[in-house]
C-alpha atoms as a PDB file:
ATOM      1  CA  MET A   1       0.000   0.000   0.000  1.00  0.00           C
ATOM      2  CA  ASN A   2       1.208   3.513  -0.755  1.00  0.00           C
ATOM      3  CA  PRO A   3       2.770   4.995   2.443  1.00  0.00           C
ATOM      4  CA  LEU A   4       1.107   8.364   1.810  1.00  0.00           C
ATOM      5  CA  ARG A   5      -2.277   6.677   1.450  1.00  0.00           C
ATOM      6  CA  THR A   6      -1.650   4.674   4.626  1.00  0.00           C
ATOM      7  CA  LEU A   7      -0.774   7.890   6.450  1.00  0.00           C
ATOM      8  CA  LEU A   8      -3.897   9.570   5.104  1.00  0.00           C
ATOM      9  CA  ILE A   9      -6.126   6.650   6.067  1.00  0.00           C
ATOM     10  CA  THR A  10      -4.447   6.485   9.460  1.00  0.00           C
ATOM     11  CA  SER A  11      -5.048  10.179   9.979  1.00  0.00           C
ATOM     12  CA  VAL A  12      -8.678  10.007   8.958  1.00  0.00           C
ATOM     13  CA  LEU A  13      -9.607   6.733  10.619  1.00  0.00           C
ATOM     14  CA  GLY A  14      -7.106   6.717  13.414  1.00  0.00           C
ATOM     15  CA  VAL A  15      -5.981   3.166  12.537  1.00  0.00           C
ATOM     16  CA  THR A  16      -3.423   1.590  10.252  1.00  0.00           C
ATOM     17  CA  LEU A  17      -4.665  -0.983   7.744  1.00  0.00           C
ATOM     18  CA  THR A  18      -1.668  -3.281   7.828  1.00  0.00           C
ATOM     19  CA  THR A  19      -3.698  -6.451   7.426  1.00  0.00           C
ATOM     20  CA  LEU A  20      -4.902  -5.572   3.930  1.00  0.00           C
ATOM     21  CA  PRO A  21      -1.690  -6.599   2.093  1.00  0.00           C
ATOM     22  CA  SER A  22      -1.482  -9.866   4.030  1.00  0.00           C
ATOM     23  CA  MET A  23      -5.121 -10.626   3.202  1.00  0.00           C
ATOM     24  CA  GLN A  24      -4.413  -9.969  -0.482  1.00  0.00           C
ATOM     25  CA  ALA A  25      -1.389 -12.284  -0.375  1.00  0.00           C
ATOM     26  CA  GLN A  26      -3.503 -15.005   1.232  1.00  0.00           C
ATOM     27  CA  ALA A  27      -6.222 -14.671  -1.406  1.00  0.00           C
ATOM     28  CA  SER A  28      -3.748 -14.934  -4.280  1.00  0.00           C
ATOM     29  CA  SER A  29      -1.998 -17.954  -2.780  1.00  0.00           C
ATOM     30  CA  THR A  30      -5.113 -20.017  -2.104  1.00  0.00           C
ATOM     31  CA  GLN A  31      -5.543 -23.275  -3.946  1.00  0.00           C
ATOM     32  CA  PRO A  32      -8.056 -23.531  -6.784  1.00  0.00           C
ATOM     33  CA  ALA A  33     -11.360 -25.102  -5.865  1.00  0.00           C
ATOM     34  CA  ASP A  34     -11.690 -28.858  -6.145  1.00  0.00           C
ATOM     35  CA  PRO A  35     -13.094 -29.418  -9.642  1.00  0.00           C
ATOM     36  CA  TRP A  36     -14.672 -32.800  -8.943  1.00  0.00           C
ATOM     37  CA  PRO A  37     -17.452 -33.622  -9.723  1.00  0.00           C
ATOM     38  CA  SER A  38     -18.840 -30.270 -10.899  1.00  0.00           C
ATOM     39  CA  SER A  39     -16.300 -29.613 -13.680  1.00  0.00           C
ATOM     40  CA  ALA A  40     -15.941 -31.657 -16.840  1.00  0.00           C
ATOM     41  CA  VAL A  41     -12.701 -33.261 -15.652  1.00  0.00           C
ATOM     42  CA  LEU A  42     -13.221 -36.512 -17.545  1.00  0.00           C
ATOM     43  CA  THR A  43     -13.921 -34.659 -20.786  1.00  0.00           C
ATOM     44  CA  ARG A  44     -10.661 -32.758 -20.392  1.00  0.00           C
ATOM     45  CA  LEU A  45      -8.753 -35.964 -19.693  1.00  0.00           C
ATOM     46  CA  PHE A  46     -10.327 -38.392 -22.154  1.00  0.00           C
ATOM     47  CA  VAL A  47     -12.073 -36.431 -24.932  1.00  0.00           C
ATOM     48  CA  LEU A  48     -10.207 -33.217 -25.638  1.00  0.00           C
ATOM     49  CA  PRO A  49      -6.968 -33.743 -27.579  1.00  0.00           C
ATOM     50  CA  SER A  50      -5.085 -31.344 -25.289  1.00  0.00           C
ATOM     51  CA  GLY A  51      -5.730 -33.536 -22.237  1.00  0.00           C
ATOM     52  CA  ARG A  52      -5.333 -37.035 -23.584  1.00  0.00           C
ATOM     53  CA  THR A  53      -1.702 -37.289 -22.482  1.00  0.00           C
ATOM     54  CA  ASP A  54      -2.797 -36.379 -18.964  1.00  0.00           C
ATOM     55  CA  GLY A  55      -5.591 -38.969 -19.175  1.00  0.00           C
ATOM     56  CA  GLU A  56      -3.080 -41.641 -20.164  1.00  0.00           C
ATOM     57  CA  ARG A  57      -0.874 -40.574 -17.255  1.00  0.00           C
ATOM     58  CA  LEU A  58      -3.849 -40.895 -14.870  1.00  0.00           C
ATOM     59  CA  VAL A  59      -4.528 -44.428 -16.103  1.00  0.00           C
ATOM     60  CA  ARG A  60      -0.862 -45.400 -15.734  1.00  0.00           C
ATOM     61  CA  GLN A  61      -0.240 -43.799 -12.347  1.00  0.00           C
ATOM     62  CA  LEU A  62      -3.380 -45.207 -10.748  1.00  0.00           C
ATOM     63  CA  HIS A  63      -2.929 -48.596 -12.436  1.00  0.00           C
ATOM     64  CA  LEU A  64      -6.496 -48.542 -13.733  1.00  0.00           C
ATOM     65  CA  THR A  65      -7.856 -51.711 -15.300  1.00  0.00           C
ATOM     66  CA  PRO A  66      -9.212 -51.697 -18.866  1.00  0.00           C
ATOM     67  CA  ALA A  67     -12.756 -51.863 -17.416  1.00  0.00           C
ATOM     68  CA  GLN A  68     -12.135 -48.868 -15.140  1.00  0.00           C
ATOM     69  CA  THR A  69     -10.613 -46.909 -18.011  1.00  0.00           C
ATOM     70  CA  ALA A  70     -13.547 -47.771 -20.276  1.00  0.00           C
ATOM     71  CA  GLU A  71     -16.009 -46.555 -17.630  1.00  0.00           C
ATOM     72  CA  LEU A  72     -14.161 -43.236 -17.245  1.00  0.00           C
ATOM     73  CA  ARG A  73     -14.158 -42.796 -21.034  1.00  0.00           C
ATOM     74  CA  ARG A  74     -17.893 -43.570 -21.195  1.00  0.00           C
ATOM     75  CA  LEU A  75     -18.624 -41.027 -18.476  1.00  0.00           C
ATOM     76  CA  ALA A  76     -16.390 -38.504 -20.280  1.00  0.00           C
ATOM     77  CA  ARG A  77     -18.599 -38.803 -23.366  1.00  0.00           C
ATOM     78  CA  SER A  78     -21.653 -38.111 -21.166  1.00  0.00           C
ATOM     79  CA  GLU A  79     -19.971 -34.970 -19.824  1.00  0.00           C
ATOM     80  CA  ALA A  80     -19.272 -33.816 -23.380  1.00  0.00           C
ATOM     81  CA  VAL A  81     -22.935 -34.269 -24.329  1.00  0.00           C
ATOM     82  CA  LEU A  82     -23.970 -32.073 -21.385  1.00  0.00           C
ATOM     83  CA  ALA A  83     -21.510 -29.384 -22.450  1.00  0.00           C
ATOM     84  CA  GLU A  84     -23.094 -29.378 -25.890  1.00  0.00           C
ATOM     85  CA  ALA A  85     -26.560 -29.113 -24.333  1.00  0.00           C
ATOM     86  CA  GLY A  86     -25.454 -25.882 -22.685  1.00  0.00           C
ATOM     87  CA  ARG A  87     -24.956 -24.335 -26.101  1.00  0.00           C
ATOM     88  CA  GLN A  88     -28.665 -24.785 -26.844  1.00  0.00           C
ATOM     89  CA  VAL A  89     -29.901 -22.834 -23.799  1.00  0.00           C
ATOM     90  CA  PHE A  90     -31.580 -19.543 -24.626  1.00  0.00           C
ATOM     91  CA  GLY A  91     -33.507 -18.452 -21.546  1.00  0.00           C
ATOM     92  CA  ARG A  92     -33.221 -18.253 -17.799  1.00  0.00           C
ATOM     93  CA  ASP A  93     -35.734 -21.074 -17.226  1.00  0.00           C
ATOM     94  CA  GLU A  94     -33.838 -23.358 -19.596  1.00  0.00           C
ATOM     95  CA  ALA A  95     -30.569 -22.491 -17.868  1.00  0.00           C
ATOM     96  CA  THR A  96     -32.062 -23.205 -14.440  1.00  0.00           C
ATOM     97  CA  ALA A  97     -33.394 -26.563 -15.627  1.00  0.00           C
ATOM     98  CA  LEU A  98     -30.068 -27.458 -17.247  1.00  0.00           C
ATOM     99  CA  ASN A  99     -28.144 -26.486 -14.095  1.00  0.00           C
ATOM    100  CA  ALA A 100     -30.394 -28.739 -12.000  1.00  0.00           C
ATOM    101  CA  ARG A 101     -29.892 -31.576 -14.477  1.00  0.00           C
ATOM    102  CA  ILE A 102     -26.117 -31.050 -14.451  1.00  0.00           C
ATOM    103  CA  ALA A 103     -26.072 -31.129 -10.633  1.00  0.00           C
ATOM    104  CA  ARG A 104     -28.005 -34.428 -10.604  1.00  0.00           C
ATOM    105  CA  LEU A 105     -25.813 -35.957 -13.303  1.00  0.00           C
ATOM    106  CA  SER A 106     -22.615 -34.761 -11.572  1.00  0.00           C
ATOM    107  CA  ALA A 107     -23.679 -36.540  -8.387  1.00  0.00           C
ATOM    108  CA  GLU A 108     -24.520 -39.645 -10.410  1.00  0.00           C
ATOM    109  CA  LYS A 109     -21.158 -39.445 -12.228  1.00  0.00           C
ATOM    110  CA  ASP A 110     -19.362 -39.260  -8.887  1.00  0.00           C
ATOM    111  CA  ARG A 111     -21.296 -42.285  -7.614  1.00  0.00           C
ATOM    112  CA  LYS A 112     -20.419 -44.290 -10.730  1.00  0.00           C
ATOM    113  CA  VAL A 113     -16.734 -43.337 -10.610  1.00  0.00           C
ATOM    114  CA  HIS A 114     -16.616 -44.219  -6.914  1.00  0.00           C
ATOM    115  CA  LEU A 115     -18.228 -47.580  -7.645  1.00  0.00           C
ATOM    116  CA  SER A 116     -15.957 -48.284 -10.621  1.00  0.00           C
ATOM    117  CA  LEU A 117     -12.682 -47.259  -8.994  1.00  0.00           C
ATOM    118  CA  ALA A 118     -13.530 -48.661  -5.547  1.00  0.00           C
ATOM    119  CA  GLY A 119     -10.307 -48.546  -3.486  1.00  0.00           C
ATOM    120  CA  LYS A 120      -8.620 -46.279  -6.047  1.00  0.00           C
ATOM    121  CA  TYR A 121     -11.252 -43.546  -5.718  1.00  0.00           C
ATOM    122  CA  SER A 122      -9.431 -41.478  -3.082  1.00  0.00           C
ATOM    123  CA  ASN A 123      -6.213 -41.680  -5.122  1.00  0.00           C
ATOM    124  CA  PHE A 124      -8.218 -40.557  -8.167  1.00  0.00           C
ATOM    125  CA  ARG A 125      -9.560 -37.546  -6.265  1.00  0.00           C
ATOM    126  CA  GLY A 126      -6.081 -36.602  -5.053  1.00  0.00           C
ATOM    127  CA  TRP A 127      -4.656 -36.991  -8.555  1.00  0.00           C
ATOM    128  CA  VAL A 128      -7.412 -34.797 -10.023  1.00  0.00           C
ATOM    129  CA  ARG A 129      -6.909 -32.056  -7.414  1.00  0.00           C
ATOM    130  CA  THR A 130      -3.146 -32.003  -8.047  1.00  0.00           C
ATOM    131  CA  TRP A 131      -3.619 -32.037 -11.819  1.00  0.00           C
ATOM    132  CA  TRP A 132      -6.243 -29.271 -11.654  1.00  0.00           C
ATOM    133  CA  THR A 133      -4.020 -27.080  -9.469  1.00  0.00           C
ATOM    134  CA  GLN A 134      -1.179 -27.529 -11.950  1.00  0.00           C
ATOM    135  CA  LYS A 135      -3.420 -26.638 -14.923  1.00  0.00           C
ATOM    136  CA  VAL A 136      -4.788 -23.549 -13.187  1.00  0.00           C
ATOM    137  CA  SER A 137      -1.259 -22.471 -12.280  1.00  0.00           C
ATOM    138  CA  GLU A 138      -0.077 -22.950 -15.879  1.00  0.00           C
ATOM    139  CA  SER A 139      -3.009 -20.914 -17.190  1.00  0.00           C
ATOM    140  CA  ARG A 140      -2.111 -17.976 -14.926  1.00  0.00           C
ATOM    141  CA  LYS A 141       1.418 -17.701 -16.280  1.00  0.00           C
END
């Protein structure tokens, strides 16, 4: 903060606002929100060409079986269909209905991934959070 402005604020208010810079530093250093299950993580990892390498790395690092991988790919296609549905929304009522549908389907997607991955689910969630944080960080550079 500008020292002259701090002096002026101190003079007018009778206090020094020294916590403001530390609060700003905290806000900028916070981690991105957990993207799962509300974001189209599976689409990014298994459908979009830019994420396929990351999707392959997920499969390798978590030692997913062919059946588990196939289920994630199937769910990724469902996510992609929902994203396309969003392009057809023209009014507030349609958007509200689509958002409710997306929330229901996100919960269902999470249930199916949890069921499919079983004991690997928590490792999947950790991997996704780390990957997402890295992607957000890269995008800010």
